Amino acid sequence: MDGTVDGFRYGAVTPVAAYLMACLGGALGLRCIVRSLLDARSFRAGWLALGAASIGCGIWTMHFIAMIGFHVEETRVRYDAATTVLSLVVAVAVVGVGVFIVGFRGTGGGTLAVAGALTGLGVAGMHYLGMAAMRLNGEVGYDPAGVALSVLIAIGAATAALWAAVTVRGFLTSLGASLVMGVAVSGMHYTGMAAVSVHVHDMTGGTWEGDSPTSLLLPMLLGPVVFLLLAGVVVMFDPLLVLGERSSAPRPDSAARPDSAPRPDSAARNSPAGRRPSWRAAASSARDR
């Protein structure tokens, strides 16, 4: 029989928390990528890796926080630990491919399209791999149209995020881009979840027991959340990221400082018209007459 699926068991708590984690990962990732571009002498690969890990952890954390609110009335849902960890590895690795492509090759049309497609497919793969980690007394089915739409949203979100990562420099602009990125990632997730249907197996043989989702997901979520907090500390205490491009630009008031401008009387004395003739110049002029 068809199961009764509820993706919002705890109301707005899980969607809002999931959205905030997606925004946090996106914001940290964007700032790390900007940091790699501000100073050519910096360890670019390290900053790009940190940015990719932040975005990947943010997307993965968003997915499984949202999945805490997923509930099937007729059967208990639990998760396979190995597949869940594999989905995190896929998220970080594939996002890293896209980030490194644009970080070293720029945002040309072809480069951005390839990087965005690869990253979007990786994000979608992480989502459906995470769904494959579910264990329940039934079979999970998907509507093909909903799956295709979720993949297209993932590719569009990834392409926009990679473009913003190497184009947007200001802090407030990066913050706005991360908020939009959070909307896109959350939209991709819930579009994919709207395509889910569950066919529950016959329950005549007894109830199908299993651990609650939170017994596995909450401990596993702790690691990526701590990583994002540590990445936030690195970003907050990096001088170049705090000051941005203003640290390398000349101060606008330096040209207007009184001590840097030449004094009018000194300029007049040094000009040919302002020099007073000495007695030797006067004598020389008299001999010439």
C-alpha atoms as a PDB file:
ATOM      1  CA  MET A   1       0.000   0.000   0.000  1.00  0.00           C
ATOM      2  CA  ASP A   2       1.036   3.597  -0.445  1.00  0.00           C
ATOM      3  CA  GLY A   3       2.585   5.186   2.598  1.00  0.00           C
ATOM      4  CA  THR A   4       1.585   8.534   4.047  1.00  0.00           C
ATOM      5  CA  VAL A   5       4.637  10.774   3.583  1.00  0.00           C
ATOM      6  CA  ASP A   6       5.187  13.912   5.637  1.00  0.00           C
ATOM      7  CA  GLY A   7       8.242  16.062   4.963  1.00  0.00           C
ATOM      8  CA  PHE A   8       7.498  18.616   7.696  1.00  0.00           C
ATOM      9  CA  ARG A   9       6.985  16.532  10.817  1.00  0.00           C
ATOM     10  CA  TYR A  10       8.353  19.306  13.051  1.00  0.00           C
ATOM     11  CA  GLY A  11       6.729  22.162  11.182  1.00  0.00           C
ATOM     12  CA  ALA A  12       8.957  25.028  10.076  1.00  0.00           C
ATOM     13  CA  VAL A  13      11.809  24.111  12.443  1.00  0.00           C
ATOM     14  CA  THR A  14      13.684  21.759  10.113  1.00  0.00           C
ATOM     15  CA  PRO A  15      13.217  23.802   6.884  1.00  0.00           C
ATOM     16  CA  VAL A  16      14.415  27.006   8.551  1.00  0.00           C
ATOM     17  CA  ALA A  17      17.380  25.327  10.252  1.00  0.00           C
ATOM     18  CA  ALA A  18      18.304  23.575   7.001  1.00  0.00           C
ATOM     19  CA  TYR A  19      18.129  26.855   5.072  1.00  0.00           C
ATOM     20  CA  LEU A  20      20.340  28.632   7.591  1.00  0.00           C
ATOM     21  CA  MET A  21      22.992  25.899   7.338  1.00  0.00           C
ATOM     22  CA  ALA A  22      22.950  26.118   3.539  1.00  0.00           C
ATOM     23  CA  CYS A  23      23.415  29.893   3.796  1.00  0.00           C
ATOM     24  CA  LEU A  24      26.250  29.512   6.312  1.00  0.00           C
ATOM     25  CA  GLY A  25      28.122  27.034   4.135  1.00  0.00           C
ATOM     26  CA  GLY A  26      27.576  29.173   1.050  1.00  0.00           C
ATOM     27  CA  ALA A  27      28.716  32.388   2.757  1.00  0.00           C
ATOM     28  CA  LEU A  28      31.904  30.813   4.129  1.00  0.00           C
ATOM     29  CA  GLY A  29      32.658  29.146   0.813  1.00  0.00           C
ATOM     30  CA  LEU A  30      32.227  32.385  -1.134  1.00  0.00           C
ATOM     31  CA  ARG A  31      34.458  34.331   1.268  1.00  0.00           C
ATOM     32  CA  CYS A  32      37.183  31.668   1.104  1.00  0.00           C
ATOM     33  CA  ILE A  33      37.159  31.733  -2.699  1.00  0.00           C
ATOM     34  CA  VAL A  34      37.280  35.537  -2.665  1.00  0.00           C
ATOM     35  CA  ARG A  35      40.263  35.305  -0.306  1.00  0.00           C
ATOM     36  CA  SER A  36      42.131  33.113  -2.784  1.00  0.00           C
ATOM     37  CA  LEU A  37      41.674  35.792  -5.461  1.00  0.00           C
ATOM     38  CA  LEU A  38      42.520  38.874  -3.380  1.00  0.00           C
ATOM     39  CA  ASP A  39      46.198  38.003  -2.973  1.00  0.00           C
ATOM     40  CA  ALA A  40      48.053  36.098  -5.694  1.00  0.00           C
ATOM     41  CA  ARG A  41      50.791  35.217  -3.183  1.00  0.00           C
ATOM     42  CA  SER A  42      48.366  33.408  -0.870  1.00  0.00           C
ATOM     43  CA  PHE A  43      47.995  29.633  -0.755  1.00  0.00           C
ATOM     44  CA  ARG A  44      45.211  29.596  -3.326  1.00  0.00           C
ATOM     45  CA  ALA A  45      44.698  25.835  -3.348  1.00  0.00           C
ATOM     46  CA  GLY A  46      44.245  25.798   0.423  1.00  0.00           C
ATOM     47  CA  TRP A  47      41.632  28.561   0.399  1.00  0.00           C
ATOM     48  CA  LEU A  48      39.785  26.933  -2.501  1.00  0.00           C
ATOM     49  CA  ALA A  49      39.773  23.595  -0.668  1.00  0.00           C
ATOM     50  CA  LEU A  50      38.422  25.261   2.464  1.00  0.00           C
ATOM     51  CA  GLY A  51      35.725  26.984   0.391  1.00  0.00           C
ATOM     52  CA  ALA A  52      34.722  23.741  -1.323  1.00  0.00           C
ATOM     53  CA  ALA A  53      34.554  21.900   1.998  1.00  0.00           C
ATOM     54  CA  SER A  54      32.426  24.688   3.500  1.00  0.00           C
ATOM     55  CA  ILE A  55      29.932  24.663   0.630  1.00  0.00           C
ATOM     56  CA  GLY A  56      29.822  20.855   0.528  1.00  0.00           C
ATOM     57  CA  CYS A  57      29.305  20.546   4.290  1.00  0.00           C
ATOM     58  CA  GLY A  58      26.642  23.243   4.191  1.00  0.00           C
ATOM     59  CA  ILE A  59      24.689  21.444   1.461  1.00  0.00           C
ATOM     60  CA  TRP A  60      25.043  18.043   3.147  1.00  0.00           C
ATOM     61  CA  THR A  61      24.039  19.415   6.550  1.00  0.00           C
ATOM     62  CA  MET A  62      21.071  21.176   4.982  1.00  0.00           C
ATOM     63  CA  HIS A  63      19.897  17.913   3.405  1.00  0.00           C
ATOM     64  CA  PHE A  64      20.003  15.790   6.538  1.00  0.00           C
ATOM     65  CA  ILE A  65      18.567  18.440   8.844  1.00  0.00           C
ATOM     66  CA  ALA A  66      15.645  18.586   6.433  1.00  0.00           C
ATOM     67  CA  MET A  67      15.468  14.773   6.446  1.00  0.00           C
ATOM     68  CA  ILE A  68      14.968  14.769  10.224  1.00  0.00           C
ATOM     69  CA  GLY A  69      11.540  16.167   9.422  1.00  0.00           C
ATOM     70  CA  PHE A  70      10.815  13.373   6.894  1.00  0.00           C
ATOM     71  CA  HIS A  71       8.307  10.868   8.251  1.00  0.00           C
ATOM     72  CA  VAL A  72       6.335   7.918   6.883  1.00  0.00           C
ATOM     73  CA  GLU A  73       3.339   7.180   9.063  1.00  0.00           C
ATOM     74  CA  GLU A  74       3.199   3.431   8.396  1.00  0.00           C
ATOM     75  CA  THR A  75       6.867   2.608   9.008  1.00  0.00           C
ATOM     76  CA  ARG A  76       9.888   3.855  10.894  1.00  0.00           C
ATOM     77  CA  VAL A  77      12.745   5.377   8.895  1.00  0.00           C
ATOM     78  CA  ARG A  78      16.417   4.874   9.680  1.00  0.00           C
ATOM     79  CA  TYR A  79      19.669   5.493   7.769  1.00  0.00           C
ATOM     80  CA  ASP A  80      22.679   3.447   6.716  1.00  0.00           C
ATOM     81  CA  ALA A  81      25.815   5.061   8.186  1.00  0.00           C
ATOM     82  CA  ALA A  82      28.235   4.122   5.373  1.00  0.00           C
ATOM     83  CA  THR A  83      26.002   5.502   2.604  1.00  0.00           C
ATOM     84  CA  THR A  84      25.350   8.656   4.608  1.00  0.00           C
ATOM     85  CA  VAL A  85      29.082   9.327   5.018  1.00  0.00           C
ATOM     86  CA  LEU A  86      29.647   8.556   1.319  1.00  0.00           C
ATOM     87  CA  SER A  87      27.113  11.222   0.385  1.00  0.00           C
ATOM     88  CA  LEU A  88      29.155  13.780   2.369  1.00  0.00           C
ATOM     89  CA  VAL A  89      32.350  12.764   0.569  1.00  0.00           C
ATOM     90  CA  VAL A  90      30.605  13.091  -2.797  1.00  0.00           C
ATOM     91  CA  ALA A  91      29.264  16.547  -1.895  1.00  0.00           C
ATOM     92  CA  VAL A  92      32.679  17.933  -0.897  1.00  0.00           C
ATOM     93  CA  ALA A  93      34.596  16.259  -3.744  1.00  0.00           C
ATOM     94  CA  VAL A  94      32.293  17.322  -6.565  1.00  0.00           C
ATOM     95  CA  VAL A  95      31.878  20.868  -5.290  1.00  0.00           C
ATOM     96  CA  GLY A  96      35.670  20.978  -5.024  1.00  0.00           C
ATOM     97  CA  VAL A  97      36.026  20.098  -8.714  1.00  0.00           C
ATOM     98  CA  GLY A  98      33.825  23.011  -9.724  1.00  0.00           C
ATOM     99  CA  VAL A  99      35.480  25.436  -7.315  1.00  0.00           C
ATOM    100  CA  PHE A 100      38.995  24.576  -8.483  1.00  0.00           C
ATOM    101  CA  ILE A 101      37.983  24.894 -12.141  1.00  0.00           C
ATOM    102  CA  VAL A 102      36.673  28.446 -11.742  1.00  0.00           C
ATOM    103  CA  GLY A 103      39.336  29.350  -9.174  1.00  0.00           C
ATOM    104  CA  PHE A 104      42.185  28.648 -11.590  1.00  0.00           C
ATOM    105  CA  ARG A 105      40.526  29.128 -14.993  1.00  0.00           C
ATOM    106  CA  GLY A 106      38.069  31.965 -14.353  1.00  0.00           C
ATOM    107  CA  THR A 107      34.431  32.324 -15.357  1.00  0.00           C
ATOM    108  CA  GLY A 108      34.537  32.125 -19.135  1.00  0.00           C
ATOM    109  CA  GLY A 109      31.308  30.922 -20.714  1.00  0.00           C
ATOM    110  CA  GLY A 110      32.468  27.390 -21.478  1.00  0.00           C
ATOM    111  CA  THR A 111      34.428  26.972 -18.246  1.00  0.00           C
ATOM    112  CA  LEU A 112      31.537  28.161 -16.098  1.00  0.00           C
ATOM    113  CA  ALA A 113      29.050  25.924 -17.921  1.00  0.00           C
ATOM    114  CA  VAL A 114      31.195  22.817 -17.444  1.00  0.00           C
ATOM    115  CA  ALA A 115      31.989  23.584 -13.809  1.00  0.00           C
ATOM    116  CA  GLY A 116      28.358  24.427 -13.019  1.00  0.00           C
ATOM    117  CA  ALA A 117      27.054  21.273 -14.677  1.00  0.00           C
ATOM    118  CA  LEU A 118      29.541  19.046 -12.863  1.00  0.00           C
ATOM    119  CA  THR A 119      28.880  20.669  -9.514  1.00  0.00           C
ATOM    120  CA  GLY A 120      25.106  20.630  -9.990  1.00  0.00           C
ATOM    121  CA  LEU A 121      25.119  16.960 -10.917  1.00  0.00           C
ATOM    122  CA  GLY A 122      27.278  16.294  -7.862  1.00  0.00           C
ATOM    123  CA  VAL A 123      24.851  18.147  -5.578  1.00  0.00           C
ATOM    124  CA  ALA A 124      21.927  16.207  -7.052  1.00  0.00           C
ATOM    125  CA  GLY A 125      23.919  12.976  -6.717  1.00  0.00           C
ATOM    126  CA  MET A 126      24.564  13.773  -3.060  1.00  0.00           C
ATOM    127  CA  HIS A 127      20.846  14.326  -2.516  1.00  0.00           C
ATOM    128  CA  TYR A 128      19.728  11.059  -4.083  1.00  0.00           C
ATOM    129  CA  LEU A 129      22.620   9.134  -2.541  1.00  0.00           C
ATOM    130  CA  GLY A 130      21.460  10.450   0.828  1.00  0.00           C
ATOM    131  CA  MET A 131      17.957   9.283  -0.025  1.00  0.00           C
ATOM    132  CA  ALA A 132      19.371   5.853  -0.900  1.00  0.00           C
ATOM    133  CA  ALA A 133      20.717   5.670   2.661  1.00  0.00           C
ATOM    134  CA  MET A 134      17.162   5.431   3.989  1.00  0.00           C
ATOM    135  CA  ARG A 135      16.052   2.084   5.353  1.00  0.00           C
ATOM    136  CA  LEU A 136      12.323   1.483   5.777  1.00  0.00           C
ATOM    137  CA  ASN A 137       9.767  -1.262   5.371  1.00  0.00           C
ATOM    138  CA  GLY A 138       8.876  -0.392   1.814  1.00  0.00           C
ATOM    139  CA  GLU A 139      10.142   0.851  -1.526  1.00  0.00           C
ATOM    140  CA  VAL A 140      10.893   4.465  -2.405  1.00  0.00           C
ATOM    141  CA  GLY A 141       9.762   5.671  -5.824  1.00  0.00           C
ATOM    142  CA  TYR A 142      10.360   8.928  -7.693  1.00  0.00           C
ATOM    143  CA  ASP A 143       8.386  10.950 -10.196  1.00  0.00           C
ATOM    144  CA  PRO A 144      10.732  11.433 -13.216  1.00  0.00           C
ATOM    145  CA  ALA A 145       9.526  14.975 -13.900  1.00  0.00           C
ATOM    146  CA  GLY A 146      10.208  16.046 -10.321  1.00  0.00           C
ATOM    147  CA  VAL A 147      13.656  14.453 -10.373  1.00  0.00           C
ATOM    148  CA  ALA A 148      14.559  16.178 -13.646  1.00  0.00           C
ATOM    149  CA  LEU A 149      13.379  19.538 -12.302  1.00  0.00           C
ATOM    150  CA  SER A 150      15.433  19.111  -9.113  1.00  0.00           C
ATOM    151  CA  VAL A 151      18.554  18.328 -11.161  1.00  0.00           C
ATOM    152  CA  LEU A 152      18.035  21.434 -13.306  1.00  0.00           C
ATOM    153  CA  ILE A 153      17.630  23.554 -10.170  1.00  0.00           C
ATOM    154  CA  ALA A 154      20.836  22.051  -8.760  1.00  0.00           C
ATOM    155  CA  ILE A 155      22.789  22.871 -11.934  1.00  0.00           C
ATOM    156  CA  GLY A 156      21.402  26.421 -12.023  1.00  0.00           C
ATOM    157  CA  ALA A 157      22.178  26.974  -8.340  1.00  0.00           C
ATOM    158  CA  ALA A 158      25.704  25.590  -8.687  1.00  0.00           C
ATOM    159  CA  THR A 159      26.439  27.709 -11.762  1.00  0.00           C
ATOM    160  CA  ALA A 160      25.183  30.876 -10.064  1.00  0.00           C
ATOM    161  CA  ALA A 161      27.188  30.096  -6.915  1.00  0.00           C
ATOM    162  CA  LEU A 162      30.418  29.521  -8.855  1.00  0.00           C
ATOM    163  CA  TRP A 163      29.895  32.705 -10.842  1.00  0.00           C
ATOM    164  CA  ALA A 164      29.299  34.672  -7.648  1.00  0.00           C
ATOM    165  CA  ALA A 165      32.339  33.077  -6.013  1.00  0.00           C
ATOM    166  CA  VAL A 166      34.784  34.682  -8.440  1.00  0.00           C
ATOM    167  CA  THR A 167      32.781  37.810  -9.301  1.00  0.00           C
ATOM    168  CA  VAL A 168      31.319  39.065  -6.027  1.00  0.00           C
ATOM    169  CA  ARG A 169      33.906  40.684  -3.742  1.00  0.00           C
ATOM    170  CA  GLY A 170      32.167  42.869  -1.140  1.00  0.00           C
ATOM    171  CA  PHE A 171      31.053  41.367   2.171  1.00  0.00           C
ATOM    172  CA  LEU A 172      27.422  42.479   1.940  1.00  0.00           C
ATOM    173  CA  THR A 173      27.215  41.341  -1.674  1.00  0.00           C
ATOM    174  CA  SER A 174      28.634  37.930  -0.723  1.00  0.00           C
ATOM    175  CA  LEU A 175      26.084  37.719   2.078  1.00  0.00           C
ATOM    176  CA  GLY A 176      23.256  38.433  -0.350  1.00  0.00           C
ATOM    177  CA  ALA A 177      24.594  35.825  -2.780  1.00  0.00           C
ATOM    178  CA  SER A 178      24.730  33.217  -0.005  1.00  0.00           C
ATOM    179  CA  LEU A 179      21.088  33.920   0.919  1.00  0.00           C
ATOM    180  CA  VAL A 180      20.047  33.373  -2.690  1.00  0.00           C
ATOM    181  CA  MET A 181      22.194  30.249  -2.815  1.00  0.00           C
ATOM    182  CA  GLY A 182      20.443  28.916   0.295  1.00  0.00           C
ATOM    183  CA  VAL A 183      17.058  29.431  -1.368  1.00  0.00           C
ATOM    184  CA  ALA A 184      18.211  27.565  -4.486  1.00  0.00           C
ATOM    185  CA  VAL A 185      19.693  24.617  -2.565  1.00  0.00           C
ATOM    186  CA  SER A 186      16.624  24.322  -0.324  1.00  0.00           C
ATOM    187  CA  GLY A 187      14.373  24.590  -3.366  1.00  0.00           C
ATOM    188  CA  MET A 188      16.286  21.791  -5.071  1.00  0.00           C
ATOM    189  CA  HIS A 189      15.944  19.590  -1.992  1.00  0.00           C
ATOM    190  CA  TYR A 190      12.231  20.053  -1.477  1.00  0.00           C
ATOM    191  CA  THR A 191      11.534  19.747  -5.194  1.00  0.00           C
ATOM    192  CA  GLY A 192      13.239  16.349  -5.095  1.00  0.00           C
ATOM    193  CA  MET A 193      11.313  15.394  -1.966  1.00  0.00           C
ATOM    194  CA  ALA A 194       8.017  16.326  -3.630  1.00  0.00           C
ATOM    195  CA  ALA A 195       8.809  13.656  -6.238  1.00  0.00           C
ATOM    196  CA  VAL A 196       9.091  10.924  -3.566  1.00  0.00           C
ATOM    197  CA  SER A 197       6.490   8.233  -3.002  1.00  0.00           C
ATOM    198  CA  VAL A 198       6.713   5.261  -0.637  1.00  0.00           C
ATOM    199  CA  HIS A 199       5.068   1.863  -1.196  1.00  0.00           C
ATOM    200  CA  VAL A 200       4.881   0.159   2.204  1.00  0.00           C
ATOM    201  CA  HIS A 201       5.244  -3.612   2.413  1.00  0.00           C
ATOM    202  CA  ASP A 202       2.638  -5.860   4.025  1.00  0.00           C
ATOM    203  CA  MET A 203       2.668  -5.410   7.808  1.00  0.00           C
ATOM    204  CA  THR A 204       0.876  -8.680   8.666  1.00  0.00           C
ATOM    205  CA  GLY A 205       4.107 -10.253   9.866  1.00  0.00           C
ATOM    206  CA  GLY A 206       4.520  -7.672  12.611  1.00  0.00           C
ATOM    207  CA  THR A 207       5.862  -4.143  12.899  1.00  0.00           C
ATOM    208  CA  TRP A 208       9.113  -3.147  11.250  1.00  0.00           C
ATOM    209  CA  GLU A 209      11.352  -1.650  13.923  1.00  0.00           C
ATOM    210  CA  GLY A 210      14.419   0.502  13.556  1.00  0.00           C
ATOM    211  CA  ASP A 211      16.356   3.296  15.174  1.00  0.00           C
ATOM    212  CA  SER A 212      14.926   6.790  14.985  1.00  0.00           C
ATOM    213  CA  PRO A 213      16.513   9.104  12.380  1.00  0.00           C
ATOM    214  CA  THR A 214      17.884  11.443  15.048  1.00  0.00           C
ATOM    215  CA  SER A 215      19.843   8.633  16.752  1.00  0.00           C
ATOM    216  CA  LEU A 216      22.188   8.495  13.746  1.00  0.00           C
ATOM    217  CA  LEU A 217      21.796  11.856  12.038  1.00  0.00           C
ATOM    218  CA  LEU A 218      22.326  14.131  15.034  1.00  0.00           C
ATOM    219  CA  PRO A 219      25.755  12.659  15.972  1.00  0.00           C
ATOM    220  CA  MET A 220      26.826  12.649  12.321  1.00  0.00           C
ATOM    221  CA  LEU A 221      25.687  16.237  11.829  1.00  0.00           C
ATOM    222  CA  LEU A 222      27.866  17.365  14.736  1.00  0.00           C
ATOM    223  CA  GLY A 223      31.134  16.976  12.790  1.00  0.00           C
ATOM    224  CA  PRO A 224      30.205  19.114   9.739  1.00  0.00           C
ATOM    225  CA  VAL A 225      28.578  21.748  11.957  1.00  0.00           C
ATOM    226  CA  VAL A 226      31.748  22.057  14.081  1.00  0.00           C
ATOM    227  CA  PHE A 227      33.813  22.271  10.886  1.00  0.00           C
ATOM    228  CA  LEU A 228      31.648  25.133   9.594  1.00  0.00           C
ATOM    229  CA  LEU A 229      32.036  26.980  12.893  1.00  0.00           C
ATOM    230  CA  LEU A 230      35.832  26.591  12.757  1.00  0.00           C
ATOM    231  CA  ALA A 231      35.863  27.763   9.143  1.00  0.00           C
ATOM    232  CA  GLY A 232      33.860  30.775  10.272  1.00  0.00           C
ATOM    233  CA  VAL A 233      36.526  31.585  12.865  1.00  0.00           C
ATOM    234  CA  VAL A 234      39.249  31.398  10.182  1.00  0.00           C
ATOM    235  CA  VAL A 235      37.296  33.746   7.927  1.00  0.00           C
ATOM    236  CA  MET A 236      36.472  36.217  10.707  1.00  0.00           C
ATOM    237  CA  PHE A 237      40.073  36.575  11.867  1.00  0.00           C
ATOM    238  CA  ASP A 238      41.742  36.827   8.463  1.00  0.00           C
ATOM    239  CA  PRO A 239      42.812  40.489   8.028  1.00  0.00           C
ATOM    240  CA  LEU A 240      42.555  40.521   4.244  1.00  0.00           C
ATOM    241  CA  LEU A 241      39.028  39.107   4.305  1.00  0.00           C
ATOM    242  CA  VAL A 242      37.938  41.557   6.979  1.00  0.00           C
ATOM    243  CA  LEU A 243      39.361  44.598   5.178  1.00  0.00           C
ATOM    244  CA  GLY A 244      38.763  43.276   1.664  1.00  0.00           C
ATOM    245  CA  GLU A 245      40.120  45.153  -1.330  1.00  0.00           C
ATOM    246  CA  ARG A 246      40.259  48.395   0.643  1.00  0.00           C
ATOM    247  CA  SER A 247      43.415  47.186   2.372  1.00  0.00           C
ATOM    248  CA  SER A 248      45.361  47.266  -0.888  1.00  0.00           C
ATOM    249  CA  ALA A 249      43.808  50.470  -2.275  1.00  0.00           C
ATOM    250  CA  PRO A 250      45.280  53.931  -1.540  1.00  0.00           C
ATOM    251  CA  ARG A 251      43.558  55.848   1.180  1.00  0.00           C
ATOM    252  CA  PRO A 252      41.198  58.415  -0.306  1.00  0.00           C
ATOM    253  CA  ASP A 253      42.223  61.088   2.211  1.00  0.00           C
ATOM    254  CA  SER A 254      45.971  60.692   1.665  1.00  0.00           C
ATOM    255  CA  ALA A 255      46.001  63.140  -1.225  1.00  0.00           C
ATOM    256  CA  ALA A 256      44.060  65.704   0.759  1.00  0.00           C
ATOM    257  CA  ARG A 257      46.200  65.705   3.910  1.00  0.00           C
ATOM    258  CA  PRO A 258      47.622  69.143   4.685  1.00  0.00           C
ATOM    259  CA  ASP A 259      51.126  67.814   5.386  1.00  0.00           C
ATOM    260  CA  SER A 260      51.298  66.080   2.003  1.00  0.00           C
ATOM    261  CA  ALA A 261      50.363  69.139  -0.050  1.00  0.00           C
ATOM    262  CA  PRO A 262      53.105  71.651  -0.992  1.00  0.00           C
ATOM    263  CA  ARG A 263      52.961  74.935   0.851  1.00  0.00           C
ATOM    264  CA  PRO A 264      51.966  77.887  -1.314  1.00  0.00           C
ATOM    265  CA  ASP A 265      54.891  80.038  -0.231  1.00  0.00           C
ATOM    266  CA  SER A 266      57.444  77.300  -0.861  1.00  0.00           C
ATOM    267  CA  ALA A 267      55.995  76.673  -4.300  1.00  0.00           C
ATOM    268  CA  ALA A 268      56.163  80.353  -5.092  1.00  0.00           C
ATOM    269  CA  ARG A 269      59.773  80.609  -3.957  1.00  0.00           C
ATOM    270  CA  ASN A 270      60.769  77.626  -6.078  1.00  0.00           C
ATOM    271  CA  SER A 271      59.068  78.915  -9.228  1.00  0.00           C
ATOM    272  CA  PRO A 272      61.102  81.009 -11.682  1.00  0.00           C
ATOM    273  CA  ALA A 273      58.763  83.954 -11.318  1.00  0.00           C
ATOM    274  CA  GLY A 274      58.878  83.859  -7.548  1.00  0.00           C
ATOM    275  CA  ARG A 275      62.662  83.761  -7.076  1.00  0.00           C
ATOM    276  CA  ARG A 276      64.242  86.999  -5.780  1.00  0.00           C
ATOM    277  CA  PRO A 277      67.296  88.127  -7.828  1.00  0.00           C
ATOM    278  CA  SER A 278      70.528  87.877  -5.874  1.00  0.00           C
ATOM    279  CA  TRP A 279      73.251  90.627  -5.871  1.00  0.00           C
ATOM    280  CA  ARG A 280      75.406  88.521  -8.220  1.00  0.00           C
ATOM    281  CA  ALA A 281      72.595  88.294 -10.751  1.00  0.00           C
ATOM    282  CA  ALA A 282      72.105  92.068 -10.518  1.00  0.00           C
ATOM    283  CA  ALA A 283      75.827  92.764 -11.077  1.00  0.00           C
ATOM    284  CA  SER A 284      75.951  90.455 -14.035  1.00  0.00           C
ATOM    285  CA  SER A 285      72.986  92.239 -15.542  1.00  0.00           C
ATOM    286  CA  ALA A 286      74.737  95.636 -15.105  1.00  0.00           C
ATOM    287  CA  ARG A 287      77.904  94.426 -16.912  1.00  0.00           C
ATOM    288  CA  ASP A 288      75.819  93.154 -19.794  1.00  0.00           C
ATOM    289  CA  ARG A 289      74.432  96.623 -20.307  1.00  0.00           C
END
